[in-house]
Amino acid sequence: MRVLGLDPGLRRTGWGVIDAEGTRLVHVANGVITSDDKAELADRLVQLHRGIEAVIAAQEPDEAAVEVSLANKNPASTLKLGMARGIALLTPALAGLLVGEYLPMIVKKSVVGTGHATKEQVQMMVQRLLPGCEIKNADSADALALAICHAHNRETDRKWSRGGEDPLQMALAGRRRR
């Protein structure tokens, strides 16, 4: 499965693509899509949309993962970030991709092991999980972390759906699998 991770932002939207086969992860590509700060908001959103479209066309992912943006102190910034996030959700969906959404804390816990990890810790773990990966910047590192988180979650879903019974439900019921 090829996964596209998107870390949305109006100025810079980080993207990262990985291939995941079971627990094996391989870095494919990463980068940043930028918009022109001097352009009108609508034009900037079009720039992000076209940039994400180009990444999807070039990398041909099977699924996508987008970070859930949390509100910040400035309402105008929060609104603009929400619009960029909307583009990051819409563009892969229009391409027919399944799109997962993850809170930053869930991504950090999935990649680093703690939901309160620093950006530096996330970058270090991304590099360890994807040996030989040359990370372009912090935005693309976050996008790769999203892709890794999504791949781990999808693999867990697949394992639970095999065999008919959910292992968690079996454990709660006190039964053993034979």
N, C-alpha and C. Protein backbone atom coordinates (compact mmCIF):
# COMPACT_ATOMS: atom_id res chain seq x y z
N MET A 1 0.85 -1.17 0.00
CA MET A 1 0.00 0.00 0.00
C MET A 1 0.90 1.24 0.00
N ARG A 2 0.59 2.18 -0.84
CA ARG A 2 1.33 3.44 -0.89
C ARG A 2 0.48 4.51 -0.20
N VAL A 3 1.09 5.21 0.76
CA VAL A 3 0.37 6.19 1.57
C VAL A 3 0.97 7.58 1.39
N LEU A 4 0.10 8.55 1.17
CA LEU A 4 0.46 9.96 1.09
C LEU A 4 0.07 10.62 2.40
N GLY A 5 1.03 11.22 3.09
CA GLY A 5 0.75 11.99 4.30
C GLY A 5 0.78 13.46 3.95
N LEU A 6 -0.18 14.22 4.47
CA LEU A 6 -0.27 15.67 4.22
C LEU A 6 -0.35 16.43 5.53
N ASP A 7 0.59 17.35 5.72
CA ASP A 7 0.60 18.24 6.88
C ASP A 7 0.17 19.61 6.37
N PRO A 8 -1.13 19.94 6.48
CA PRO A 8 -1.64 21.14 5.82
C PRO A 8 -1.20 22.45 6.46
N GLY A 9 -0.99 23.42 5.60
CA GLY A 9 -0.67 24.78 5.99
C GLY A 9 -0.91 25.68 4.79
N LEU A 10 -1.30 26.90 5.02
CA LEU A 10 -1.56 27.80 3.90
C LEU A 10 -0.26 28.23 3.22
N ARG A 11 0.77 28.50 3.98
CA ARG A 11 2.07 28.86 3.39
C ARG A 11 2.80 27.65 2.85
N ARG A 12 2.85 26.60 3.69
CA ARG A 12 3.58 25.38 3.33
C ARG A 12 2.75 24.17 3.74
N THR A 13 2.50 23.30 2.79
CA THR A 13 1.85 22.02 3.06
C THR A 13 2.90 20.94 2.83
N GLY A 14 3.27 20.26 3.91
CA GLY A 14 4.24 19.18 3.79
C GLY A 14 3.58 17.94 3.24
N TRP A 15 4.33 17.19 2.45
CA TRP A 15 3.84 15.91 1.94
C TRP A 15 4.93 14.86 2.03
N GLY A 16 4.50 13.62 2.24
CA GLY A 16 5.43 12.51 2.31
C GLY A 16 4.74 11.25 1.82
N VAL A 17 5.46 10.44 1.09
CA VAL A 17 4.91 9.20 0.54
C VAL A 17 5.76 8.03 0.98
N ILE A 18 5.09 6.99 1.48
CA ILE A 18 5.78 5.75 1.87
C ILE A 18 5.06 4.56 1.25
N ASP A 19 5.79 3.47 1.11
CA ASP A 19 5.19 2.18 0.77
C ASP A 19 5.19 1.35 2.04
N ALA A 20 4.07 0.70 2.31
CA ALA A 20 3.94 -0.13 3.50
C ALA A 20 3.46 -1.52 3.10
N GLU A 21 4.24 -2.52 3.48
CA GLU A 21 3.85 -3.92 3.29
C GLU A 21 3.97 -4.59 4.64
N GLY A 22 2.85 -4.85 5.27
CA GLY A 22 2.87 -5.36 6.64
C GLY A 22 3.51 -4.32 7.53
N THR A 23 4.56 -4.72 8.24
CA THR A 23 5.25 -3.77 9.12
C THR A 23 6.46 -3.13 8.44
N ARG A 24 6.73 -3.50 7.20
CA ARG A 24 7.87 -2.95 6.46
C ARG A 24 7.48 -1.62 5.82
N LEU A 25 8.26 -0.59 6.11
CA LEU A 25 8.02 0.76 5.59
C LEU A 25 9.20 1.19 4.72
N VAL A 26 8.90 1.81 3.58
CA VAL A 26 9.94 2.29 2.67
C VAL A 26 9.60 3.71 2.26
N HIS A 27 10.58 4.60 2.39
CA HIS A 27 10.42 5.99 1.95
C HIS A 27 10.37 6.03 0.43
N VAL A 28 9.42 6.80 -0.10
CA VAL A 28 9.32 6.99 -1.55
C VAL A 28 9.75 8.40 -1.92
N ALA A 29 9.10 9.40 -1.30
CA ALA A 29 9.42 10.80 -1.61
C ALA A 29 8.82 11.71 -0.55
N ASN A 30 9.33 12.94 -0.47
CA ASN A 30 8.74 13.94 0.42
C ASN A 30 9.09 15.32 -0.08
N GLY A 31 8.33 16.29 0.36
CA GLY A 31 8.57 17.66 -0.05
C GLY A 31 7.55 18.61 0.54
N VAL A 32 7.52 19.80 -0.03
CA VAL A 32 6.62 20.85 0.46
C VAL A 32 5.97 21.55 -0.72
N ILE A 33 4.69 21.82 -0.58
CA ILE A 33 3.95 22.61 -1.55
C ILE A 33 3.79 23.99 -0.93
N THR A 34 4.18 25.02 -1.66
CA THR A 34 4.07 26.38 -1.12
C THR A 34 3.06 27.19 -1.93
N SER A 35 2.52 28.19 -1.27
CA SER A 35 1.64 29.13 -1.96
C SER A 35 2.25 30.53 -1.86
N ASP A 36 1.89 31.36 -2.78
CA ASP A 36 2.42 32.73 -2.86
C ASP A 36 1.74 33.61 -1.82
N ASP A 37 2.50 34.09 -0.81
CA ASP A 37 1.92 34.92 0.27
C ASP A 37 1.28 36.21 -0.26
N LYS A 38 1.70 36.66 -1.41
CA LYS A 38 1.18 37.92 -1.95
C LYS A 38 -0.11 37.73 -2.75
N ALA A 39 -0.45 36.48 -3.06
CA ALA A 39 -1.65 36.20 -3.85
C ALA A 39 -2.90 36.26 -2.97
N GLU A 40 -4.04 36.40 -3.61
CA GLU A 40 -5.33 36.37 -2.91
C GLU A 40 -5.54 34.98 -2.32
N LEU A 41 -6.34 34.91 -1.26
CA LEU A 41 -6.58 33.64 -0.56
C LEU A 41 -7.08 32.56 -1.51
N ALA A 42 -8.05 32.87 -2.34
CA ALA A 42 -8.60 31.88 -3.27
C ALA A 42 -7.51 31.34 -4.19
N ASP A 43 -6.65 32.21 -4.67
CA ASP A 43 -5.57 31.78 -5.56
C ASP A 43 -4.57 30.89 -4.81
N ARG A 44 -4.33 31.20 -3.56
CA ARG A 44 -3.40 30.38 -2.75
C ARG A 44 -3.98 28.99 -2.54
N LEU A 45 -5.29 28.91 -2.33
CA LEU A 45 -5.93 27.61 -2.15
C LEU A 45 -5.87 26.80 -3.44
N VAL A 46 -6.03 27.46 -4.57
CA VAL A 46 -5.89 26.78 -5.87
C VAL A 46 -4.46 26.26 -6.03
N GLN A 47 -3.47 27.06 -5.62
CA GLN A 47 -2.08 26.63 -5.71
C GLN A 47 -1.85 25.35 -4.89
N LEU A 48 -2.41 25.31 -3.68
CA LEU A 48 -2.28 24.11 -2.84
C LEU A 48 -2.96 22.91 -3.50
N HIS A 49 -4.17 23.14 -4.01
CA HIS A 49 -4.92 22.06 -4.67
C HIS A 49 -4.12 21.49 -5.84
N ARG A 50 -3.61 22.36 -6.67
CA ARG A 50 -2.85 21.91 -7.85
C ARG A 50 -1.55 21.21 -7.44
N GLY A 51 -0.92 21.71 -6.39
CA GLY A 51 0.30 21.06 -5.90
C GLY A 51 0.04 19.66 -5.39
N ILE A 52 -1.04 19.49 -4.62
CA ILE A 52 -1.40 18.17 -4.10
C ILE A 52 -1.79 17.25 -5.26
N GLU A 53 -2.53 17.79 -6.22
CA GLU A 53 -2.89 17.00 -7.41
C GLU A 53 -1.65 16.49 -8.13
N ALA A 54 -0.65 17.35 -8.25
CA ALA A 54 0.59 16.97 -8.94
C ALA A 54 1.32 15.85 -8.18
N VAL A 55 1.34 15.95 -6.85
CA VAL A 55 1.98 14.91 -6.04
C VAL A 55 1.23 13.59 -6.23
N ILE A 56 -0.09 13.64 -6.19
CA ILE A 56 -0.90 12.42 -6.37
C ILE A 56 -0.65 11.82 -7.75
N ALA A 57 -0.61 12.64 -8.78
CA ALA A 57 -0.37 12.14 -10.14
C ALA A 57 1.02 11.52 -10.25
N ALA A 58 2.01 12.13 -9.65
CA ALA A 58 3.39 11.63 -9.76
C ALA A 58 3.64 10.39 -8.90
N GLN A 59 3.06 10.35 -7.71
CA GLN A 59 3.38 9.28 -6.75
C GLN A 59 2.36 8.14 -6.72
N GLU A 60 1.17 8.37 -7.24
CA GLU A 60 0.11 7.36 -7.32
C GLU A 60 -0.15 6.63 -5.99
N PRO A 61 -0.49 7.37 -4.93
CA PRO A 61 -0.77 6.71 -3.64
C PRO A 61 -2.11 5.97 -3.68
N ASP A 62 -2.24 5.00 -2.77
CA ASP A 62 -3.49 4.25 -2.63
C ASP A 62 -4.41 4.90 -1.60
N GLU A 63 -3.81 5.54 -0.59
CA GLU A 63 -4.57 6.16 0.50
C GLU A 63 -3.83 7.42 0.95
N ALA A 64 -4.52 8.24 1.71
CA ALA A 64 -3.91 9.48 2.21
C ALA A 64 -4.23 9.66 3.69
N ALA A 65 -3.40 10.45 4.37
CA ALA A 65 -3.61 10.78 5.77
C ALA A 65 -3.37 12.28 5.93
N VAL A 66 -4.27 12.93 6.67
CA VAL A 66 -4.20 14.38 6.87
C VAL A 66 -4.25 14.68 8.36
N GLU A 67 -3.42 15.62 8.79
CA GLU A 67 -3.40 16.00 10.20
C GLU A 67 -4.63 16.82 10.55
N VAL A 68 -5.21 16.53 11.70
CA VAL A 68 -6.30 17.34 12.23
C VAL A 68 -5.66 18.57 12.85
N SER A 69 -6.07 19.74 12.39
CA SER A 69 -5.51 20.99 12.89
C SER A 69 -6.23 21.41 14.15
N LEU A 70 -5.46 21.81 15.14
CA LEU A 70 -6.03 22.32 16.37
C LEU A 70 -6.08 23.84 16.30
N ALA A 71 -7.04 24.43 16.98
CA ALA A 71 -7.18 25.88 16.97
C ALA A 71 -5.97 26.55 17.60
N ASN A 72 -5.59 27.71 17.07
CA ASN A 72 -4.54 28.48 17.72
C ASN A 72 -5.12 29.81 18.19
N LYS A 73 -4.29 30.65 18.76
CA LYS A 73 -4.77 31.87 19.41
C LYS A 73 -5.39 32.87 18.46
N ASN A 74 -4.92 32.93 17.24
CA ASN A 74 -5.40 33.90 16.27
C ASN A 74 -6.55 33.29 15.45
N PRO A 75 -7.79 33.79 15.63
CA PRO A 75 -8.93 33.22 14.90
C PRO A 75 -8.77 33.29 13.37
N ALA A 76 -8.18 34.36 12.85
CA ALA A 76 -8.01 34.49 11.40
C ALA A 76 -7.04 33.41 10.89
N SER A 77 -5.97 33.17 11.62
CA SER A 77 -5.01 32.12 11.24
C SER A 77 -5.65 30.74 11.30
N THR A 78 -6.45 30.51 12.33
CA THR A 78 -7.14 29.23 12.47
C THR A 78 -8.06 29.00 11.29
N LEU A 79 -8.79 30.02 10.89
CA LEU A 79 -9.71 29.90 9.77
C LEU A 79 -8.96 29.60 8.47
N LYS A 80 -7.86 30.29 8.23
CA LYS A 80 -7.06 30.05 7.01
C LYS A 80 -6.46 28.65 7.01
N LEU A 81 -5.98 28.20 8.17
CA LEU A 81 -5.44 26.85 8.28
C LEU A 81 -6.54 25.83 8.00
N GLY A 82 -7.74 26.11 8.49
CA GLY A 82 -8.88 25.22 8.23
C GLY A 82 -9.20 25.12 6.74
N MET A 83 -9.05 26.22 6.04
CA MET A 83 -9.28 26.21 4.59
C MET A 83 -8.21 25.37 3.88
N ALA A 84 -6.96 25.53 4.29
CA ALA A 84 -5.88 24.72 3.70
C ALA A 84 -6.11 23.24 4.00
N ARG A 85 -6.58 22.95 5.20
CA ARG A 85 -6.88 21.58 5.58
C ARG A 85 -8.01 21.02 4.73
N GLY A 86 -9.00 21.86 4.45
CA GLY A 86 -10.09 21.44 3.57
C GLY A 86 -9.58 21.02 2.20
N ILE A 87 -8.63 21.78 1.66
CA ILE A 87 -8.03 21.43 0.37
C ILE A 87 -7.27 20.11 0.49
N ALA A 88 -6.56 19.93 1.62
CA ALA A 88 -5.79 18.70 1.83
C ALA A 88 -6.70 17.47 1.97
N LEU A 89 -7.91 17.66 2.44
CA LEU A 89 -8.88 16.56 2.53
C LEU A 89 -9.58 16.33 1.20
N LEU A 90 -9.96 17.42 0.55
CA LEU A 90 -10.74 17.35 -0.68
C LEU A 90 -9.96 16.77 -1.86
N THR A 91 -8.74 17.22 -2.05
CA THR A 91 -7.98 16.83 -3.24
C THR A 91 -7.77 15.31 -3.33
N PRO A 92 -7.29 14.64 -2.27
CA PRO A 92 -7.16 13.17 -2.38
C PRO A 92 -8.52 12.47 -2.52
N ALA A 93 -9.53 13.02 -1.85
CA ALA A 93 -10.87 12.42 -1.95
C ALA A 93 -11.38 12.51 -3.39
N LEU A 94 -11.14 13.64 -4.05
CA LEU A 94 -11.54 13.79 -5.46
C LEU A 94 -10.80 12.80 -6.36
N ALA A 95 -9.58 12.42 -5.95
CA ALA A 95 -8.80 11.45 -6.71
C ALA A 95 -9.21 10.01 -6.40
N GLY A 96 -10.20 9.85 -5.52
CA GLY A 96 -10.70 8.52 -5.20
C GLY A 96 -9.95 7.81 -4.10
N LEU A 97 -9.13 8.55 -3.34
CA LEU A 97 -8.36 7.93 -2.26
C LEU A 97 -9.15 7.92 -0.96
N LEU A 98 -8.94 6.87 -0.18
CA LEU A 98 -9.43 6.84 1.20
C LEU A 98 -8.57 7.84 1.97
N VAL A 99 -9.19 8.69 2.79
CA VAL A 99 -8.44 9.71 3.53
C VAL A 99 -8.67 9.52 5.03
N GLY A 100 -7.59 9.26 5.76
CA GLY A 100 -7.64 9.16 7.21
C GLY A 100 -7.25 10.48 7.84
N GLU A 101 -7.78 10.76 9.01
CA GLU A 101 -7.47 11.99 9.74
C GLU A 101 -6.92 11.62 11.11
N TYR A 102 -5.83 12.30 11.52
CA TYR A 102 -5.18 11.97 12.78
C TYR A 102 -4.81 13.22 13.54
N LEU A 103 -5.09 13.21 14.84
CA LEU A 103 -4.65 14.29 15.73
C LEU A 103 -3.14 14.24 15.87
N PRO A 104 -2.49 15.40 16.03
CA PRO A 104 -1.03 15.42 16.19
C PRO A 104 -0.55 14.50 17.31
N MET A 105 -1.29 14.44 18.41
CA MET A 105 -0.90 13.61 19.54
C MET A 105 -0.90 12.12 19.19
N ILE A 106 -1.85 11.70 18.37
CA ILE A 106 -1.93 10.30 17.94
C ILE A 106 -0.76 9.97 17.01
N VAL A 107 -0.42 10.90 16.12
CA VAL A 107 0.71 10.70 15.19
C VAL A 107 2.00 10.55 16.00
N LYS A 108 2.21 11.45 16.95
CA LYS A 108 3.42 11.40 17.77
C LYS A 108 3.50 10.11 18.56
N LYS A 109 2.38 9.69 19.14
CA LYS A 109 2.37 8.45 19.92
C LYS A 109 2.66 7.25 19.02
N SER A 110 2.12 7.26 17.81
CA SER A 110 2.33 6.16 16.87
C SER A 110 3.78 6.06 16.41
N VAL A 111 4.42 7.21 16.20
CA VAL A 111 5.78 7.22 15.65
C VAL A 111 6.86 7.21 16.73
N VAL A 112 6.65 7.99 17.79
CA VAL A 112 7.68 8.14 18.83
C VAL A 112 7.39 7.30 20.07
N GLY A 113 6.12 7.09 20.36
CA GLY A 113 5.75 6.34 21.56
C GLY A 113 5.17 7.20 22.65
N THR A 114 5.20 8.52 22.45
CA THR A 114 4.59 9.45 23.40
C THR A 114 3.88 10.55 22.62
N GLY A 115 2.71 10.93 23.09
CA GLY A 115 1.92 11.95 22.42
C GLY A 115 2.44 13.36 22.60
N HIS A 116 3.44 13.53 23.45
CA HIS A 116 3.99 14.86 23.71
C HIS A 116 5.41 15.00 23.19
N ALA A 117 5.74 14.25 22.15
CA ALA A 117 7.09 14.29 21.57
C ALA A 117 7.34 15.65 20.91
N THR A 118 8.59 16.04 20.87
CA THR A 118 8.98 17.28 20.19
C THR A 118 9.12 17.02 18.69
N LYS A 119 9.17 18.10 17.92
CA LYS A 119 9.36 17.99 16.47
C LYS A 119 10.67 17.28 16.16
N GLU A 120 11.70 17.56 16.94
CA GLU A 120 13.01 16.93 16.74
C GLU A 120 12.93 15.41 16.97
N GLN A 121 12.18 15.00 17.99
CA GLN A 121 12.02 13.58 18.26
C GLN A 121 11.27 12.88 17.13
N VAL A 122 10.25 13.56 16.61
CA VAL A 122 9.48 13.00 15.49
C VAL A 122 10.40 12.83 14.28
N GLN A 123 11.18 13.86 13.95
CA GLN A 123 12.10 13.78 12.81
C GLN A 123 13.10 12.64 12.98
N MET A 124 13.65 12.50 14.18
CA MET A 124 14.63 11.45 14.43
C MET A 124 14.01 10.07 14.23
N MET A 125 12.79 9.87 14.74
CA MET A 125 12.15 8.56 14.61
C MET A 125 11.73 8.28 13.17
N VAL A 126 11.31 9.30 12.45
CA VAL A 126 10.97 9.12 11.03
C VAL A 126 12.21 8.62 10.29
N GLN A 127 13.35 9.23 10.56
CA GLN A 127 14.59 8.80 9.91
C GLN A 127 14.98 7.38 10.30
N ARG A 128 14.71 6.99 11.52
CA ARG A 128 15.02 5.61 11.95
C ARG A 128 14.06 4.61 11.33
N LEU A 129 12.79 4.99 11.20
CA LEU A 129 11.80 4.08 10.62
C LEU A 129 11.91 3.99 9.10
N LEU A 130 12.50 5.03 8.49
CA LEU A 130 12.68 5.06 7.04
C LEU A 130 14.16 5.26 6.72
N PRO A 131 14.98 4.23 6.91
CA PRO A 131 16.43 4.37 6.71
C PRO A 131 16.75 4.89 5.31
N GLY A 132 17.73 5.79 5.27
CA GLY A 132 18.15 6.37 3.99
C GLY A 132 17.29 7.51 3.51
N CYS A 133 16.26 7.84 4.26
CA CYS A 133 15.34 8.92 3.88
C CYS A 133 16.00 10.27 4.11
N GLU A 134 15.99 11.10 3.09
CA GLU A 134 16.48 12.47 3.22
C GLU A 134 15.26 13.38 3.39
N ILE A 135 15.03 13.82 4.61
CA ILE A 135 13.86 14.65 4.91
C ILE A 135 14.13 16.08 4.46
N LYS A 136 13.20 16.65 3.70
CA LYS A 136 13.38 18.00 3.16
C LYS A 136 13.33 19.07 4.24
N ASN A 137 12.34 18.98 5.15
CA ASN A 137 12.21 19.94 6.25
C ASN A 137 11.20 19.43 7.28
N ALA A 138 10.90 20.23 8.29
CA ALA A 138 10.00 19.81 9.37
C ALA A 138 8.60 19.49 8.87
N ASP A 139 8.11 20.25 7.88
CA ASP A 139 6.77 20.00 7.34
C ASP A 139 6.68 18.65 6.65
N SER A 140 7.70 18.30 5.87
CA SER A 140 7.68 17.00 5.19
C SER A 140 7.92 15.87 6.19
N ALA A 141 8.69 16.12 7.25
CA ALA A 141 8.88 15.10 8.31
C ALA A 141 7.55 14.81 8.98
N ASP A 142 6.77 15.85 9.27
CA ASP A 142 5.45 15.65 9.87
C ASP A 142 4.54 14.87 8.92
N ALA A 143 4.62 15.16 7.63
CA ALA A 143 3.80 14.46 6.64
C ALA A 143 4.19 12.98 6.57
N LEU A 144 5.49 12.69 6.61
CA LEU A 144 5.94 11.30 6.63
C LEU A 144 5.46 10.60 7.90
N ALA A 145 5.48 11.30 9.03
CA ALA A 145 4.98 10.73 10.29
C ALA A 145 3.50 10.39 10.17
N LEU A 146 2.73 11.25 9.51
CA LEU A 146 1.31 10.98 9.27
C LEU A 146 1.13 9.73 8.43
N ALA A 147 1.93 9.59 7.38
CA ALA A 147 1.85 8.41 6.52
C ALA A 147 2.18 7.14 7.31
N ILE A 148 3.21 7.21 8.17
CA ILE A 148 3.59 6.08 9.00
C ILE A 148 2.45 5.71 9.96
N CYS A 149 1.88 6.71 10.60
CA CYS A 149 0.77 6.51 11.53
C CYS A 149 -0.40 5.82 10.81
N HIS A 150 -0.72 6.31 9.62
CA HIS A 150 -1.83 5.73 8.85
C HIS A 150 -1.52 4.28 8.48
N ALA A 151 -0.30 4.02 8.04
CA ALA A 151 0.08 2.66 7.66
C ALA A 151 -0.04 1.72 8.86
N HIS A 152 0.41 2.14 10.03
CA HIS A 152 0.31 1.31 11.23
C HIS A 152 -1.16 1.04 11.58
N ASN A 153 -1.98 2.08 11.50
CA ASN A 153 -3.39 1.93 11.83
C ASN A 153 -4.12 1.02 10.84
N ARG A 154 -3.81 1.15 9.56
CA ARG A 154 -4.45 0.31 8.55
C ARG A 154 -4.02 -1.15 8.71
N GLU A 155 -2.76 -1.38 9.04
CA GLU A 155 -2.28 -2.75 9.24
C GLU A 155 -2.98 -3.38 10.45
N THR A 156 -3.14 -2.62 11.50
CA THR A 156 -3.86 -3.12 12.68
C THR A 156 -5.29 -3.45 12.32
N ASP A 157 -5.96 -2.57 11.57
CA ASP A 157 -7.33 -2.83 11.13
C ASP A 157 -7.42 -4.13 10.34
N ARG A 158 -6.46 -4.33 9.43
CA ARG A 158 -6.45 -5.54 8.61
C ARG A 158 -6.30 -6.80 9.47
N LYS A 159 -5.38 -6.75 10.43
CA LYS A 159 -5.16 -7.91 11.30
C LYS A 159 -6.40 -8.23 12.11
N TRP A 160 -7.07 -7.22 12.59
CA TRP A 160 -8.26 -7.44 13.40
C TRP A 160 -9.42 -7.97 12.58
N SER A 161 -9.46 -7.60 11.30
CA SER A 161 -10.60 -8.02 10.48
C SER A 161 -10.43 -9.45 9.96
N ARG A 162 -9.22 -10.02 10.02
CA ARG A 162 -9.00 -11.41 9.59
C ARG A 162 -9.54 -12.37 10.64
N GLY A 163 -10.05 -13.48 10.18
CA GLY A 163 -10.45 -14.55 11.11
C GLY A 163 -11.80 -14.32 11.76
N GLY A 164 -12.47 -13.25 11.45
CA GLY A 164 -13.83 -13.06 11.94
C GLY A 164 -13.97 -12.44 13.31
N GLU A 165 -13.09 -12.76 14.26
CA GLU A 165 -13.28 -12.23 15.60
C GLU A 165 -12.23 -11.18 15.92
N ASP A 166 -12.65 -10.18 16.62
CA ASP A 166 -11.78 -9.09 17.05
C ASP A 166 -10.98 -9.55 18.27
N PRO A 167 -9.62 -9.54 18.19
CA PRO A 167 -8.80 -10.00 19.33
C PRO A 167 -9.10 -9.25 20.62
N LEU A 168 -9.40 -7.97 20.52
CA LEU A 168 -9.71 -7.20 21.72
C LEU A 168 -10.99 -7.71 22.37
N GLN A 169 -12.00 -7.96 21.55
CA GLN A 169 -13.26 -8.47 22.09
C GLN A 169 -13.07 -9.85 22.70
N MET A 170 -12.23 -10.67 22.05
CA MET A 170 -11.95 -12.00 22.59
C MET A 170 -11.26 -11.89 23.95
N ALA A 171 -10.31 -10.98 24.08
CA ALA A 171 -9.59 -10.80 25.34
C ALA A 171 -10.55 -10.31 26.42
N LEU A 172 -11.43 -9.38 26.05
CA LEU A 172 -12.38 -8.86 27.03
C LEU A 172 -13.34 -9.95 27.49
N ALA A 173 -13.66 -10.87 26.61
CA ALA A 173 -14.58 -11.95 26.96
C ALA A 173 -13.85 -13.09 27.69
N GLY A 174 -12.50 -12.98 27.79
CA GLY A 174 -11.74 -14.00 28.51
C GLY A 174 -11.53 -15.28 27.71
N ARG A 175 -11.74 -15.21 26.40
CA ARG A 175 -11.55 -16.41 25.57
C ARG A 175 -10.15 -16.43 24.99
N ARG A 176 -9.67 -17.61 24.64
CA ARG A 176 -8.39 -17.78 23.98
C ARG A 176 -8.64 -18.17 22.53
N ARG A 177 -7.78 -17.70 21.67
CA ARG A 177 -7.87 -18.06 20.25
C ARG A 177 -7.18 -19.41 20.06
N ARG A 178 -7.81 -20.30 19.31
CA ARG A 178 -7.24 -21.64 19.07
C ARG A 178 -6.69 -21.74 17.69
